[in-house]
């Protein structure tokens, strides 16, 4: 794990919500850390490159914009697991991909610009991997705000 300084820890702790919406949001956000907007962007990029952060960006309700989300899973043979991960993750529609201790050992989220995009992405994954994809569409929506703190 890369070393995080006090500013890195503050960035992680404080930028999990309430990111400014203005002409220069990085400069506005950076003020609370005593750094410039350019330094904030450079630190965020380093945290992403070092895999401290897996993502930095807004969370949107894609359905309101005409798109779709779906939780999906498949059963990847252990001998092919890394190969299947690479094939699934190669699609830009794959938002997250997690290994699980279950018969369906790979779970991922598909996010597409249109509802039809879900079926297209599933078809691509099935063709590329030769494995059946199980889709679990959202039945109800819940808001769970989870914020994580860095440890000293």
Protein backbone atom coordinates (compact mmCIF):
# COMPACT_ATOMS: atom_id res chain seq x y z
CA UNK A 1 0.00 0.00 0.00
CA UNK A 2 1.45 3.39 -0.97
CA UNK A 3 2.20 5.85 1.81
CA UNK A 4 -0.49 8.49 2.30
CA UNK A 5 0.37 11.84 3.79
CA UNK A 6 -2.01 13.94 5.88
CA UNK A 7 -3.32 15.82 2.83
CA UNK A 8 -4.04 12.56 0.96
CA UNK A 9 -6.00 11.32 3.98
CA UNK A 10 -7.99 14.56 4.19
CA UNK A 11 -8.78 14.40 0.48
CA UNK A 12 -10.12 10.85 0.86
CA UNK A 13 -12.07 11.69 4.00
CA UNK A 14 -13.57 15.00 2.83
CA UNK A 15 -14.31 14.47 -0.87
CA UNK A 16 -16.91 11.72 -0.47
CA UNK A 17 -19.75 14.15 -1.01
CA UNK A 18 -20.49 17.84 -1.38
CA UNK A 19 -18.04 18.38 -4.23
CA UNK A 20 -18.49 22.00 -5.36
CA UNK A 21 -20.46 22.77 -8.49
CA UNK A 22 -18.93 25.93 -9.89
CA UNK A 23 -16.64 27.16 -12.67
CA UNK A 24 -13.49 25.83 -10.95
CA UNK A 25 -14.59 22.99 -8.66
CA UNK A 26 -11.12 21.55 -8.06
CA UNK A 27 -9.74 24.93 -7.02
CA UNK A 28 -12.73 25.46 -4.70
CA UNK A 29 -12.38 21.99 -3.16
CA UNK A 30 -8.60 22.34 -2.81
CA UNK A 31 -8.88 25.44 -0.60
CA UNK A 32 -9.93 23.33 2.39
CA UNK A 33 -6.66 21.38 2.08
CA UNK A 34 -4.42 24.41 1.56
CA UNK A 35 -3.38 23.29 -1.92
CA UNK A 36 -4.11 24.38 -5.49
CA UNK A 37 -6.69 22.85 -7.78
CA UNK A 38 -3.88 21.50 -9.98
CA UNK A 39 -2.26 19.80 -6.99
CA UNK A 40 -5.60 18.30 -5.97
CA UNK A 41 -6.09 16.86 -9.46
CA UNK A 42 -2.53 15.48 -9.46
CA UNK A 43 -3.04 13.86 -6.04
CA UNK A 44 -6.35 12.33 -7.11
CA UNK A 45 -4.72 10.93 -10.25
CA UNK A 46 -1.88 9.45 -8.17
CA UNK A 47 -4.38 7.88 -5.74
CA UNK A 48 -6.21 6.36 -8.72
CA UNK A 49 -2.98 5.19 -10.38
CA UNK A 50 -1.78 3.62 -7.11
CA UNK A 51 -5.19 1.90 -6.71
CA UNK A 52 -5.81 3.64 -3.38
CA UNK A 53 -8.99 4.92 -5.06
CA UNK A 54 -10.82 2.84 -7.63
CA UNK A 55 -13.00 5.68 -8.82
CA UNK A 56 -13.45 9.43 -8.42
CA UNK A 57 -16.54 10.96 -9.92
CA UNK A 58 -20.21 11.68 -9.43
CA UNK A 59 -22.87 9.09 -8.68
CA UNK A 60 -25.84 9.66 -10.96
CA UNK A 61 -29.24 8.07 -11.40
CA UNK A 62 -28.64 6.83 -14.91
CA UNK A 63 -32.28 5.91 -15.47
CA UNK A 64 -33.23 9.60 -15.23
CA UNK A 65 -30.89 10.22 -18.13
CA UNK A 66 -32.36 7.41 -20.25
CA UNK A 67 -29.78 4.77 -19.36
CA UNK A 68 -29.86 1.60 -17.31
CA UNK A 69 -28.02 -0.27 -14.55
CA UNK A 70 -28.17 -3.96 -13.76
CA UNK A 71 -26.39 -6.24 -11.32
CA UNK A 72 -25.11 -9.29 -13.17
CA UNK A 73 -23.25 -12.47 -12.29
CA UNK A 74 -21.67 -15.47 -13.90
CA UNK A 75 -19.92 -18.67 -12.91
CA UNK A 76 -16.31 -18.44 -14.04
CA UNK A 77 -14.33 -21.69 -14.00
CA UNK A 78 -11.45 -21.31 -11.55
CA UNK A 79 -8.90 -22.21 -14.24
CA UNK A 80 -10.21 -19.37 -16.44
CA UNK A 81 -11.08 -16.84 -13.73
CA UNK A 82 -8.39 -14.25 -14.59
CA UNK A 83 -9.11 -14.60 -18.32
CA UNK A 84 -12.84 -14.07 -17.75
CA UNK A 85 -12.17 -11.06 -15.49
CA UNK A 86 -10.09 -9.48 -18.27
CA UNK A 87 -12.79 -10.13 -20.88
CA UNK A 88 -15.59 -8.74 -18.69
CA UNK A 89 -13.59 -5.72 -17.52
CA UNK A 90 -12.65 -4.88 -21.13
CA UNK A 91 -16.20 -3.62 -21.68
CA UNK A 92 -16.64 0.07 -20.86
CA UNK A 93 -20.16 -0.76 -19.59
CA UNK A 94 -18.74 -2.70 -16.61
CA UNK A 95 -18.81 -0.36 -13.62
CA UNK A 96 -17.63 -2.77 -10.89
CA UNK A 97 -16.50 -6.39 -10.79
CA UNK A 98 -16.18 -8.41 -7.59
CA UNK A 99 -15.20 -12.00 -6.81
CA UNK A 100 -17.61 -13.86 -4.52
CA UNK A 101 -17.50 -17.18 -2.69
CA UNK A 102 -20.61 -18.56 -4.37
CA UNK A 103 -21.51 -20.75 -7.34
CA UNK A 104 -21.87 -17.43 -9.19
CA UNK A 105 -18.37 -16.30 -8.32
CA UNK A 106 -18.17 -13.12 -10.41
CA UNK A 107 -20.60 -10.24 -9.81
CA UNK A 108 -20.50 -6.99 -11.75
CA UNK A 109 -22.58 -3.93 -12.49
CA UNK A 110 -23.45 -2.96 -16.04
CA UNK A 111 -24.22 0.68 -16.78
CA UNK A 112 -25.42 1.60 -20.26
CA UNK A 113 -26.67 4.69 -22.06
CA UNK A 114 -29.92 2.96 -23.05
CA UNK A 115 -31.93 0.06 -21.62
CA UNK A 116 -31.16 -1.98 -24.78
CA UNK A 117 -27.48 -1.52 -24.01
CA UNK A 118 -27.81 -3.97 -21.11
CA UNK A 119 -28.91 -6.82 -23.41
CA UNK A 120 -26.16 -5.90 -25.87
CA UNK A 121 -23.47 -5.91 -23.15
CA UNK A 122 -24.70 -9.24 -21.78
CA UNK A 123 -24.65 -10.75 -25.28
CA UNK A 124 -21.09 -9.50 -25.79
CA UNK A 125 -19.92 -10.99 -22.48
CA UNK A 126 -21.60 -14.31 -23.24
CA UNK A 127 -20.03 -14.42 -26.71
CA UNK A 128 -16.57 -13.40 -25.48
CA UNK A 129 -16.51 -15.77 -22.48
CA UNK A 130 -18.78 -18.62 -23.58
CA UNK A 131 -20.49 -18.31 -20.18
CA UNK A 132 -24.08 -17.52 -19.26
CA UNK A 133 -24.69 -14.15 -17.63
CA UNK A 134 -27.46 -13.85 -15.05
CA UNK A 135 -29.00 -10.37 -14.83
CA UNK A 136 -30.65 -9.10 -11.66
CA UNK A 137 -32.51 -5.88 -12.46
CA UNK A 138 -33.33 -3.44 -9.69
CA UNK A 139 -36.79 -3.92 -8.21
CA UNK A 140 -36.60 -1.11 -5.64
CA UNK A 141 -34.14 1.66 -5.03
CA UNK A 142 -32.64 2.43 -1.64
CA UNK A 143 -30.33 5.27 -0.72
CA UNK A 144 -27.47 4.17 1.49
CA UNK A 145 -24.87 6.82 2.09
CA UNK A 146 -21.63 5.14 3.01
CA UNK A 147 -18.54 7.17 3.70
CA UNK A 148 -15.20 5.59 4.54
CA UNK A 149 -12.48 7.11 6.70
CA UNK A 150 -8.77 6.64 6.27
CA UNK A 151 -6.84 5.14 9.15
CA UNK A 152 -3.86 6.80 10.70
